[in-house]
Amino acid sequence: MKYRPDIVIIYDILSALDREGKPISYIVTKSNMPNPRVRERIKIMIENGLVEEFEDKNGRKLYRITDKGVKARSRIKEMILFLREIGLLRYDKIDEELR
């Protein structure tokens, strides 16, 4: 497996989220990371106001991106593109989704 820089992992998790909310299993699949690592990152994002945890009407825990998270995702995308442009980030998976 190729190494993914933290900035790309954070971007992948934020990109898996929307305003309606997603279960952890969806985020794990979309970000291609093991459940414990995703939970660890999401906990940090919740503490920093990028993500919210809530329960749906069936009592399932869901996660949604906040306004701050949307802004962060946009800025992270810009940073990733810039780092690739100047040759400091060599990660090909994100080419299609970032353009």
N, C-alpha and C. Protein backbone atom coordinates (compact mmCIF):
# COMPACT_ATOMS: atom_id res chain seq x y z
N MET A 1 0.84 -1.18 0.00
CA MET A 1 0.00 0.00 0.00
C MET A 1 0.89 1.25 0.00
N LYS A 2 0.50 2.21 -0.81
CA LYS A 2 1.25 3.47 -0.89
C LYS A 2 0.99 4.32 0.33
N TYR A 3 2.02 5.02 0.74
CA TYR A 3 1.91 5.96 1.86
C TYR A 3 1.06 7.15 1.44
N ARG A 4 0.14 7.55 2.32
CA ARG A 4 -0.65 8.75 2.08
C ARG A 4 -0.32 9.76 3.15
N PRO A 5 0.08 10.94 2.76
CA PRO A 5 0.34 11.99 3.75
C PRO A 5 -0.92 12.32 4.54
N ASP A 6 -0.73 12.81 5.76
CA ASP A 6 -1.85 13.17 6.63
C ASP A 6 -2.83 14.12 5.96
N ILE A 7 -2.31 15.08 5.22
CA ILE A 7 -3.18 16.07 4.58
C ILE A 7 -4.14 15.39 3.60
N VAL A 8 -3.68 14.35 2.92
CA VAL A 8 -4.52 13.62 1.98
C VAL A 8 -5.56 12.79 2.73
N ILE A 9 -5.17 12.19 3.84
CA ILE A 9 -6.11 11.41 4.66
C ILE A 9 -7.22 12.31 5.19
N ILE A 10 -6.86 13.46 5.69
CA ILE A 10 -7.85 14.41 6.20
C ILE A 10 -8.79 14.83 5.07
N TYR A 11 -8.23 15.11 3.91
CA TYR A 11 -9.05 15.48 2.76
C TYR A 11 -10.01 14.34 2.38
N ASP A 12 -9.50 13.12 2.36
CA ASP A 12 -10.34 11.97 2.00
C ASP A 12 -11.51 11.81 2.97
N ILE A 13 -11.26 11.97 4.24
CA ILE A 13 -12.34 11.85 5.23
C ILE A 13 -13.35 12.97 5.06
N LEU A 14 -12.88 14.20 4.96
CA LEU A 14 -13.80 15.33 4.78
C LEU A 14 -14.59 15.21 3.48
N SER A 15 -13.99 14.64 2.45
CA SER A 15 -14.67 14.47 1.17
C SER A 15 -15.75 13.40 1.23
N ALA A 16 -15.63 12.48 2.16
CA ALA A 16 -16.63 11.42 2.30
C ALA A 16 -17.89 11.92 3.00
N LEU A 17 -17.80 13.08 3.62
CA LEU A 17 -18.92 13.60 4.42
C LEU A 17 -19.76 14.60 3.64
N ASP A 18 -21.02 14.71 4.05
CA ASP A 18 -21.91 15.73 3.51
C ASP A 18 -22.74 16.30 4.65
N ARG A 19 -23.72 17.14 4.33
CA ARG A 19 -24.53 17.80 5.36
C ARG A 19 -25.57 16.87 5.99
N GLU A 20 -25.97 15.82 5.26
CA GLU A 20 -27.00 14.91 5.77
C GLU A 20 -26.44 13.93 6.79
N GLY A 21 -25.19 13.58 6.66
CA GLY A 21 -24.57 12.65 7.59
C GLY A 21 -24.32 11.29 6.98
N LYS A 22 -23.23 10.68 7.38
CA LYS A 22 -22.83 9.36 6.89
C LYS A 22 -22.43 8.49 8.07
N PRO A 23 -22.69 7.17 7.97
CA PRO A 23 -22.24 6.27 9.02
C PRO A 23 -20.73 6.02 8.90
N ILE A 24 -20.14 5.57 9.98
CA ILE A 24 -18.69 5.34 10.00
C ILE A 24 -18.28 4.34 8.93
N SER A 25 -19.11 3.34 8.66
CA SER A 25 -18.75 2.33 7.66
C SER A 25 -18.58 2.96 6.28
N TYR A 26 -19.40 3.93 5.95
CA TYR A 26 -19.29 4.62 4.66
C TYR A 26 -17.98 5.41 4.60
N ILE A 27 -17.66 6.10 5.68
CA ILE A 27 -16.44 6.92 5.73
C ILE A 27 -15.20 6.03 5.64
N VAL A 28 -15.23 4.89 6.32
CA VAL A 28 -14.12 3.93 6.29
C VAL A 28 -13.89 3.47 4.85
N THR A 29 -14.97 3.12 4.16
CA THR A 29 -14.86 2.64 2.78
C THR A 29 -14.33 3.74 1.86
N LYS A 30 -14.93 4.93 1.94
CA LYS A 30 -14.54 6.03 1.06
C LYS A 30 -13.11 6.51 1.29
N SER A 31 -12.67 6.50 2.55
CA SER A 31 -11.32 7.00 2.85
C SER A 31 -10.27 5.89 2.78
N ASN A 32 -10.72 4.64 2.59
CA ASN A 32 -9.81 3.51 2.45
C ASN A 32 -8.84 3.39 3.64
N MET A 33 -9.43 3.44 4.84
CA MET A 33 -8.65 3.34 6.07
C MET A 33 -9.37 2.43 7.04
N PRO A 34 -8.63 1.81 7.96
CA PRO A 34 -9.29 0.96 8.96
C PRO A 34 -10.15 1.79 9.92
N ASN A 35 -11.20 1.16 10.40
CA ASN A 35 -12.16 1.81 11.29
C ASN A 35 -11.52 2.53 12.46
N PRO A 36 -10.60 1.91 13.23
CA PRO A 36 -10.02 2.62 14.38
C PRO A 36 -9.29 3.91 14.00
N ARG A 37 -8.60 3.89 12.86
CA ARG A 37 -7.88 5.10 12.43
C ARG A 37 -8.83 6.19 12.00
N VAL A 38 -9.92 5.81 11.33
CA VAL A 38 -10.92 6.80 10.92
C VAL A 38 -11.56 7.42 12.16
N ARG A 39 -11.92 6.58 13.13
CA ARG A 39 -12.54 7.09 14.36
C ARG A 39 -11.61 8.06 15.08
N GLU A 40 -10.33 7.74 15.10
CA GLU A 40 -9.34 8.61 15.75
C GLU A 40 -9.29 9.97 15.06
N ARG A 41 -9.26 9.96 13.74
CA ARG A 41 -9.22 11.22 12.98
C ARG A 41 -10.52 12.00 13.13
N ILE A 42 -11.63 11.31 13.08
CA ILE A 42 -12.91 12.00 13.21
C ILE A 42 -13.04 12.63 14.59
N LYS A 43 -12.56 11.95 15.62
CA LYS A 43 -12.61 12.52 16.97
C LYS A 43 -11.87 13.86 17.00
N ILE A 44 -10.72 13.91 16.39
CA ILE A 44 -9.94 15.16 16.33
C ILE A 44 -10.70 16.22 15.54
N MET A 45 -11.32 15.81 14.44
CA MET A 45 -12.08 16.76 13.62
C MET A 45 -13.30 17.29 14.38
N ILE A 46 -13.93 16.45 15.18
CA ILE A 46 -15.06 16.89 16.00
C ILE A 46 -14.58 17.92 17.02
N GLU A 47 -13.47 17.62 17.68
CA GLU A 47 -12.91 18.54 18.68
C GLU A 47 -12.56 19.89 18.09
N ASN A 48 -12.23 19.91 16.80
CA ASN A 48 -11.85 21.15 16.14
C ASN A 48 -12.97 21.78 15.32
N GLY A 49 -14.17 21.23 15.43
CA GLY A 49 -15.33 21.83 14.80
C GLY A 49 -15.48 21.61 13.31
N LEU A 50 -14.78 20.62 12.76
CA LEU A 50 -14.88 20.34 11.33
C LEU A 50 -15.99 19.34 11.02
N VAL A 51 -16.31 18.51 12.00
CA VAL A 51 -17.29 17.44 11.84
C VAL A 51 -18.20 17.42 13.07
N GLU A 52 -19.45 17.03 12.86
CA GLU A 52 -20.40 16.85 13.96
C GLU A 52 -20.86 15.40 13.99
N GLU A 53 -21.05 14.88 15.20
CA GLU A 53 -21.63 13.55 15.38
C GLU A 53 -23.06 13.74 15.86
N PHE A 54 -23.98 12.94 15.32
CA PHE A 54 -25.37 13.01 15.76
C PHE A 54 -26.01 11.64 15.55
N GLU A 55 -27.21 11.47 16.09
CA GLU A 55 -27.96 10.23 15.91
C GLU A 55 -29.15 10.47 15.00
N ASP A 56 -29.39 9.51 14.10
CA ASP A 56 -30.57 9.61 13.26
C ASP A 56 -31.78 9.10 14.03
N LYS A 57 -32.94 9.06 13.40
CA LYS A 57 -34.17 8.67 14.08
C LYS A 57 -34.15 7.22 14.56
N ASN A 58 -33.25 6.40 14.00
CA ASN A 58 -33.12 5.00 14.41
C ASN A 58 -32.02 4.80 15.45
N GLY A 59 -31.40 5.89 15.89
CA GLY A 59 -30.36 5.81 16.90
C GLY A 59 -28.97 5.49 16.36
N ARG A 60 -28.82 5.51 15.04
CA ARG A 60 -27.50 5.27 14.44
C ARG A 60 -26.64 6.52 14.54
N LYS A 61 -25.37 6.34 14.88
CA LYS A 61 -24.44 7.47 14.89
C LYS A 61 -24.06 7.82 13.46
N LEU A 62 -24.21 9.09 13.15
CA LEU A 62 -23.81 9.60 11.84
C LEU A 62 -22.88 10.78 12.04
N TYR A 63 -22.15 11.09 10.98
CA TYR A 63 -21.19 12.20 11.01
C TYR A 63 -21.44 13.08 9.81
N ARG A 64 -21.42 14.40 10.05
CA ARG A 64 -21.62 15.35 8.96
C ARG A 64 -20.56 16.44 9.04
N ILE A 65 -20.30 17.02 7.89
CA ILE A 65 -19.32 18.10 7.80
C ILE A 65 -19.99 19.41 8.23
N THR A 66 -19.24 20.26 8.91
CA THR A 66 -19.74 21.56 9.34
C THR A 66 -19.32 22.62 8.32
N ASP A 67 -19.79 23.85 8.51
CA ASP A 67 -19.35 24.94 7.65
C ASP A 67 -17.83 25.10 7.71
N LYS A 68 -17.29 25.01 8.90
CA LYS A 68 -15.84 25.10 9.08
C LYS A 68 -15.14 23.96 8.34
N GLY A 69 -15.74 22.78 8.35
CA GLY A 69 -15.19 21.63 7.65
C GLY A 69 -15.20 21.81 6.14
N VAL A 70 -16.26 22.42 5.63
CA VAL A 70 -16.35 22.69 4.19
C VAL A 70 -15.25 23.65 3.77
N LYS A 71 -15.05 24.70 4.57
CA LYS A 71 -13.98 25.67 4.27
C LYS A 71 -12.61 25.00 4.35
N ALA A 72 -12.43 24.17 5.37
CA ALA A 72 -11.14 23.47 5.53
C ALA A 72 -10.89 22.54 4.35
N ARG A 73 -11.92 21.80 3.93
CA ARG A 73 -11.77 20.89 2.79
C ARG A 73 -11.34 21.65 1.54
N SER A 74 -11.94 22.80 1.30
CA SER A 74 -11.59 23.61 0.14
C SER A 74 -10.14 24.09 0.22
N ARG A 75 -9.73 24.56 1.38
CA ARG A 75 -8.36 25.04 1.55
C ARG A 75 -7.35 23.91 1.46
N ILE A 76 -7.71 22.75 2.00
CA ILE A 76 -6.82 21.58 1.93
C ILE A 76 -6.65 21.16 0.47
N LYS A 77 -7.73 21.20 -0.28
CA LYS A 77 -7.65 20.87 -1.71
C LYS A 77 -6.66 21.80 -2.41
N GLU A 78 -6.75 23.09 -2.12
CA GLU A 78 -5.82 24.06 -2.70
C GLU A 78 -4.38 23.74 -2.31
N MET A 79 -4.18 23.39 -1.03
CA MET A 79 -2.83 23.07 -0.56
C MET A 79 -2.28 21.84 -1.26
N ILE A 80 -3.12 20.81 -1.41
CA ILE A 80 -2.67 19.59 -2.08
C ILE A 80 -2.27 19.89 -3.51
N LEU A 81 -3.10 20.64 -4.22
CA LEU A 81 -2.78 20.99 -5.60
C LEU A 81 -1.48 21.80 -5.69
N PHE A 82 -1.30 22.73 -4.77
CA PHE A 82 -0.09 23.54 -4.75
C PHE A 82 1.14 22.67 -4.47
N LEU A 83 1.05 21.81 -3.46
CA LEU A 83 2.17 20.93 -3.12
C LEU A 83 2.54 20.00 -4.28
N ARG A 84 1.53 19.53 -5.01
CA ARG A 84 1.80 18.70 -6.19
C ARG A 84 2.47 19.52 -7.28
N GLU A 85 1.98 20.74 -7.45
CA GLU A 85 2.51 21.62 -8.51
C GLU A 85 4.00 21.91 -8.31
N ILE A 86 4.41 22.09 -7.06
CA ILE A 86 5.81 22.40 -6.80
C ILE A 86 6.65 21.15 -6.52
N GLY A 87 6.03 19.98 -6.66
CA GLY A 87 6.76 18.73 -6.56
C GLY A 87 6.99 18.20 -5.16
N LEU A 88 6.28 18.71 -4.17
CA LEU A 88 6.48 18.25 -2.80
C LEU A 88 5.49 17.17 -2.38
N LEU A 89 4.50 16.89 -3.21
CA LEU A 89 3.54 15.85 -2.91
C LEU A 89 3.38 14.99 -4.15
N ARG A 90 3.69 13.74 -4.01
CA ARG A 90 3.59 12.80 -5.13
C ARG A 90 2.57 11.73 -4.78
N TYR A 91 1.32 12.05 -5.00
CA TYR A 91 0.26 11.11 -4.71
C TYR A 91 -0.75 11.21 -5.83
N ASP A 92 -0.86 10.16 -6.63
CA ASP A 92 -1.64 10.21 -7.88
C ASP A 92 -3.13 9.98 -7.72
N LYS A 93 -3.56 9.28 -6.68
CA LYS A 93 -4.97 8.91 -6.54
C LYS A 93 -5.90 10.12 -6.58
N ILE A 94 -5.45 11.23 -6.08
CA ILE A 94 -6.33 12.37 -5.92
C ILE A 94 -6.46 13.24 -7.17
N ASP A 95 -5.70 12.94 -8.21
CA ASP A 95 -5.76 13.77 -9.42
C ASP A 95 -7.17 13.96 -9.95
N GLU A 96 -7.90 12.88 -10.17
CA GLU A 96 -9.21 12.97 -10.79
C GLU A 96 -10.21 13.69 -9.91
N GLU A 97 -10.23 13.39 -8.61
CA GLU A 97 -11.23 13.98 -7.73
C GLU A 97 -10.96 15.44 -7.41
N LEU A 98 -9.73 15.89 -7.58
CA LEU A 98 -9.40 17.28 -7.27
C LEU A 98 -9.61 18.22 -8.44
N ARG A 99 -9.70 17.72 -9.60
CA ARG A 99 -9.81 18.59 -10.77
C ARG A 99 -11.24 18.85 -11.15
